[in-house]
C-alpha atoms as a PDB file:
ATOM      1  CA  MET A   1     -91.899  80.583 -95.634  1.00  0.00           C
ATOM      2  CA  ILE A   2     -89.340  77.856 -94.863  1.00  0.00           C
ATOM      3  CA  ALA A   3     -89.843  74.213 -95.806  1.00  0.00           C
ATOM      4  CA  VAL A   4     -88.210  71.679 -93.472  1.00  0.00           C
ATOM      5  CA  ILE A   5     -87.806  68.007 -94.471  1.00  0.00           C
ATOM      6  CA  ARG A   6     -86.601  65.290 -92.115  1.00  0.00           C
ATOM      7  CA  ILE A   7     -83.898  63.229 -93.841  1.00  0.00           C
ATOM      8  CA  LYS A   8     -82.395  61.114 -91.068  1.00  0.00           C
ATOM      9  CA  GLY A   9     -84.430  58.285 -89.539  1.00  0.00           C
ATOM     10  CA  ARG A  10     -85.179  57.383 -85.921  1.00  0.00           C
ATOM     11  CA  VAL A  11     -82.300  55.030 -85.122  1.00  0.00           C
ATOM     12  CA  LYS A  12     -79.655  56.252 -82.620  1.00  0.00           C
ATOM     13  CA  VAL A  13     -81.227  59.688 -82.134  1.00  0.00           C
ATOM     14  CA  ARG A  14     -80.593  61.313 -78.752  1.00  0.00           C
ATOM     15  CA  GLU A  15     -83.652  61.947 -76.592  1.00  0.00           C
ATOM     16  CA  MET A  16     -83.185  65.728 -76.652  1.00  0.00           C
ATOM     17  CA  LEU A  17     -83.131  65.802 -80.474  1.00  0.00           C
ATOM     18  CA  ARG A  18     -86.049  63.354 -80.691  1.00  0.00           C
ATOM     19  CA  GLU A  19     -88.169  65.666 -78.540  1.00  0.00           C
ATOM     20  CA  THR A  20     -87.221  68.683 -80.661  1.00  0.00           C
ATOM     21  CA  LEU A  21     -88.199  66.844 -83.861  1.00  0.00           C
ATOM     22  CA  GLU A  22     -91.484  65.840 -82.213  1.00  0.00           C
ATOM     23  CA  ARG A  23     -92.246  69.486 -81.413  1.00  0.00           C
ATOM     24  CA  LEU A  24     -91.530  70.439 -85.024  1.00  0.00           C
ATOM     25  CA  ARG A  25     -93.992  67.682 -86.130  1.00  0.00           C
ATOM     26  CA  LEU A  26     -91.181  65.815 -87.920  1.00  0.00           C
ATOM     27  CA  ARG A  27     -91.984  62.401 -86.474  1.00  0.00           C
ATOM     28  CA  LYS A  28     -90.982  60.230 -89.450  1.00  0.00           C
ATOM     29  CA  LYS A  29     -88.454  60.236 -92.257  1.00  0.00           C
ATOM     30  CA  TYR A  30     -89.393  62.255 -95.392  1.00  0.00           C
ATOM     31  CA  VAL A  31     -91.987  64.449 -93.673  1.00  0.00           C
ATOM     32  CA  CYS A  32     -92.168  68.125 -94.607  1.00  0.00           C
ATOM     33  CA  VAL A  33     -93.436  70.998 -92.451  1.00  0.00           C
ATOM     34  CA  LEU A  34     -93.723  74.712 -93.173  1.00  0.00           C
ATOM     35  CA  ILE A  35     -92.229  77.216 -90.725  1.00  0.00           C
ATOM     36  CA  ASP A  36     -92.678  80.974 -90.657  1.00  0.00           C
ATOM     37  CA  GLU A  37     -89.273  82.706 -90.727  1.00  0.00           C
ATOM     38  CA  LYS A  38     -90.485  85.229 -88.130  1.00  0.00           C
ATOM     39  CA  ASN A  39     -91.088  82.557 -85.464  1.00  0.00           C
ATOM     40  CA  GLU A  40     -87.834  82.581 -83.479  1.00  0.00           C
ATOM     41  CA  ASN A  41     -88.738  79.517 -81.389  1.00  0.00           C
ATOM     42  CA  GLU A  42     -89.215  77.249 -84.385  1.00  0.00           C
ATOM     43  CA  ILE A  43     -86.101  78.675 -86.087  1.00  0.00           C
ATOM     44  CA  GLY A  44     -84.090  77.870 -82.942  1.00  0.00           C
ATOM     45  CA  MET A  45     -85.432  74.303 -82.857  1.00  0.00           C
ATOM     46  CA  MET A  46     -84.623  73.942 -86.546  1.00  0.00           C
ATOM     47  CA  LYS A  47     -81.013  75.061 -85.954  1.00  0.00           C
ATOM     48  CA  LYS A  48     -80.726  72.536 -83.108  1.00  0.00           C
ATOM     49  CA  VAL A  49     -81.544  69.566 -85.373  1.00  0.00           C
ATOM     50  CA  GLU A  50     -79.785  70.936 -88.467  1.00  0.00           C
ATOM     51  CA  GLY A  51     -77.766  67.733 -88.915  1.00  0.00           C
ATOM     52  CA  MET A  52     -80.946  65.683 -89.434  1.00  0.00           C
ATOM     53  CA  ILE A  53     -83.000  67.914 -91.719  1.00  0.00           C
ATOM     54  CA  ALA A  54     -82.882  69.752 -95.035  1.00  0.00           C
ATOM     55  CA  TYR A  55     -84.474  73.206 -95.179  1.00  0.00           C
ATOM     56  CA  GLY A  56     -84.777  76.272 -97.349  1.00  0.00           C
ATOM     57  CA  GLU A  57     -87.141  78.910 -98.705  1.00  0.00           C
ATOM     58  CA  ILE A  58     -90.042  77.463-100.660  1.00  0.00           C
ATOM     59  CA  ASP A  59     -91.437  79.372-103.639  1.00  0.00           C
ATOM     60  CA  LYS A  60     -95.131  79.768-104.453  1.00  0.00           C
ATOM     61  CA  GLY A  61     -95.210  77.298-107.373  1.00  0.00           C
ATOM     62  CA  THR A  62     -93.638  74.501-105.347  1.00  0.00           C
ATOM     63  CA  LEU A  63     -95.886  75.293-102.385  1.00  0.00           C
ATOM     64  CA  THR A  64     -98.966  75.027-104.610  1.00  0.00           C
ATOM     65  CA  ARG A  65     -97.815  71.673-106.029  1.00  0.00           C
ATOM     66  CA  LEU A  66     -97.006  70.402-102.521  1.00  0.00           C
ATOM     67  CA  ILE A  67    -100.487  71.271-101.257  1.00  0.00           C
ATOM     68  CA  GLU A  68    -102.153  69.875-104.372  1.00  0.00           C
ATOM     69  CA  LYS A  69    -100.290  66.542-104.379  1.00  0.00           C
ATOM     70  CA  ARG A  70     -99.595  65.826-100.701  1.00  0.00           C
ATOM     71  CA  GLY A  71    -101.953  68.047 -98.668  1.00  0.00           C
ATOM     72  CA  GLN A  72    -104.421  66.130 -96.514  1.00  0.00           C
ATOM     73  CA  LEU A  73    -107.634  67.639 -95.260  1.00  0.00           C
ATOM     74  CA  VAL A  74    -108.743  67.078 -91.685  1.00  0.00           C
ATOM     75  CA  ASN A  75    -112.329  66.986 -92.985  1.00  0.00           C
ATOM     76  CA  LYS A  76    -112.127  64.637 -95.968  1.00  0.00           C
ATOM     77  CA  THR A  77    -115.454  65.690 -97.496  1.00  0.00           C
ATOM     78  CA  LYS A  78    -114.149  68.951 -98.987  1.00  0.00           C
ATOM     79  CA  LYS A  79    -111.897  69.457-101.999  1.00  0.00           C
ATOM     80  CA  ILE A  80    -108.517  71.216-101.835  1.00  0.00           C
ATOM     81  CA  ASP A  81    -108.124  74.563-103.619  1.00  0.00           C
ATOM     82  CA  ALA A  82    -104.322  74.650-103.711  1.00  0.00           C
ATOM     83  CA  GLU A  83    -103.952  78.145-105.189  1.00  0.00           C
ATOM     84  CA  LYS A  84    -106.139  79.797-102.556  1.00  0.00           C
ATOM     85  CA  ILE A  85    -104.538  77.867 -99.686  1.00  0.00           C
ATOM     86  CA  ALA A  86    -101.009  78.756-100.900  1.00  0.00           C
ATOM     87  CA  GLU A  87    -101.928  82.460-100.978  1.00  0.00           C
ATOM     88  CA  ASP A  88    -103.417  82.266 -97.473  1.00  0.00           C
ATOM     89  CA  ILE A  89    -100.297  80.526 -96.127  1.00  0.00           C
ATOM     90  CA  GLN A  90     -98.036  83.196 -97.604  1.00  0.00           C
ATOM     91  CA  LYS A  91    -100.202  85.849 -95.942  1.00  0.00           C
ATOM     92  CA  GLY A  92     -99.503  84.222 -92.568  1.00  0.00           C
ATOM     93  CA  LYS A  93    -102.351  81.781 -91.927  1.00  0.00           C
ATOM     94  CA  LYS A  94    -101.582  78.340 -90.503  1.00  0.00           C
ATOM     95  CA  LEU A  95    -102.371  75.039 -92.216  1.00  0.00           C
ATOM     96  CA  ARG A  96    -104.534  73.870 -89.307  1.00  0.00           C
ATOM     97  CA  ASP A  97    -106.699  77.016 -89.570  1.00  0.00           C
ATOM     98  CA  LEU A  98    -107.255  76.229 -93.273  1.00  0.00           C
ATOM     99  CA  GLY A  99    -108.417  72.674 -92.536  1.00  0.00           C
ATOM    100  CA  LEU A 100    -105.206  70.872 -93.572  1.00  0.00           C
ATOM    101  CA  LYS A 101    -102.961  68.618 -91.533  1.00  0.00           C
ATOM    102  CA  PRO A 102     -99.841  70.561 -90.422  1.00  0.00           C
ATOM    103  CA  PHE A 103     -97.375  68.276 -92.235  1.00  0.00           C
ATOM    104  CA  PHE A 104     -96.871  66.653 -95.643  1.00  0.00           C
ATOM    105  CA  ARG A 105     -95.811  63.041 -96.135  1.00  0.00           C
ATOM    106  CA  LEU A 106     -93.390  62.802 -99.047  1.00  0.00           C
ATOM    107  CA  HIS A 107     -91.910  59.962-101.101  1.00  0.00           C
ATOM    108  CA  PRO A 108     -88.184  59.186-101.013  1.00  0.00           C
ATOM    109  CA  PRO A 109     -86.501  61.344-103.681  1.00  0.00           C
ATOM    110  CA  ARG A 110     -86.444  60.034-107.233  1.00  0.00           C
ATOM    111  CA  GLY A 111     -82.825  59.600-108.301  1.00  0.00           C
ATOM    112  CA  GLY A 112     -81.671  59.326-104.690  1.00  0.00           C
ATOM    113  CA  LEU A 113     -80.006  61.753-102.329  1.00  0.00           C
ATOM    114  CA  LYS A 114     -76.656  63.449-102.832  1.00  0.00           C
ATOM    115  CA  SER A 115     -73.605  61.815-101.262  1.00  0.00           C
ATOM    116  CA  SER A 116     -72.022  63.237 -98.116  1.00  0.00           C
ATOM    117  CA  ASN A 117     -69.071  64.630-100.107  1.00  0.00           C
ATOM    118  CA  ASP A 118     -71.179  67.268-101.850  1.00  0.00           C
ATOM    119  CA  THR A 119     -71.624  70.942-101.004  1.00  0.00           C
ATOM    120  CA  PHE A 120     -73.908  70.806 -97.957  1.00  0.00           C
ATOM    121  CA  PRO A 121     -72.520  69.849 -94.511  1.00  0.00           C
ATOM    122  CA  LYS A 122     -73.622  66.223 -94.613  1.00  0.00           C
ATOM    123  CA  GLY A 123     -74.774  65.602 -98.154  1.00  0.00           C
ATOM    124  CA  VAL A 124     -78.364  66.707 -98.529  1.00  0.00           C
ATOM    125  CA  MET A 125     -78.750  67.892 -94.907  1.00  0.00           C
ATOM    126  CA  GLY A 126     -78.514  71.557 -93.986  1.00  0.00           C
ATOM    127  CA  ASN A 127     -79.575  74.865 -95.492  1.00  0.00           C
ATOM    128  CA  HIS A 128     -80.433  74.613 -99.202  1.00  0.00           C
ATOM    129  CA  LYS A 129     -81.822  78.120 -99.674  1.00  0.00           C
ATOM    130  CA  GLN A 130     -83.673  77.997-103.052  1.00  0.00           C
ATOM    131  CA  ALA A 131     -82.437  74.472-103.952  1.00  0.00           C
ATOM    132  CA  ILE A 132     -84.983  72.979-101.512  1.00  0.00           C
ATOM    133  CA  ASN A 133     -87.583  73.441-104.267  1.00  0.00           C
ATOM    134  CA  LYS A 134     -85.739  70.937-106.483  1.00  0.00           C
ATOM    135  CA  LEU A 135     -85.569  68.433-103.622  1.00  0.00           C
ATOM    136  CA  ILE A 136     -89.299  68.794-102.932  1.00  0.00           C
ATOM    137  CA  GLU A 137     -90.082  68.298-106.650  1.00  0.00           C
ATOM    138  CA  LYS A 138     -88.051  65.071-106.594  1.00  0.00           C
ATOM    139  CA  MET A 139     -90.081  63.895-103.585  1.00  0.00           C
ATOM    140  CA  LEU A 140     -93.604  64.653-104.879  1.00  0.00           C
END
């Protein structure tokens, strides 16, 4: 499972990239979506907007905390069982099928973002591999 977080805002974004972000459900800054690594279409869209997002493989503990803290139910009368939902997502089910909204709204990261001189192509943007879990923890 790959977590994708939009870092760059909406100002001066080309129409083609704006449409791609819309299709990935990354409409606002600091929104996180989960993508299956087997879905070639979504992986291609993610590569297209790589300069505006941070992404990497999310582990089960971070996924559980993300669902628990920031998951929103479509039907607000039920309670969220984060452990069960995290297991179902890792088995291949979609968030919408489990009754959750297909995106997570996050806070800006505590302690700020890395500068553009650091290891990733443009600061925090790009492929983080396992380090995306630390970024998500800072944003919960």
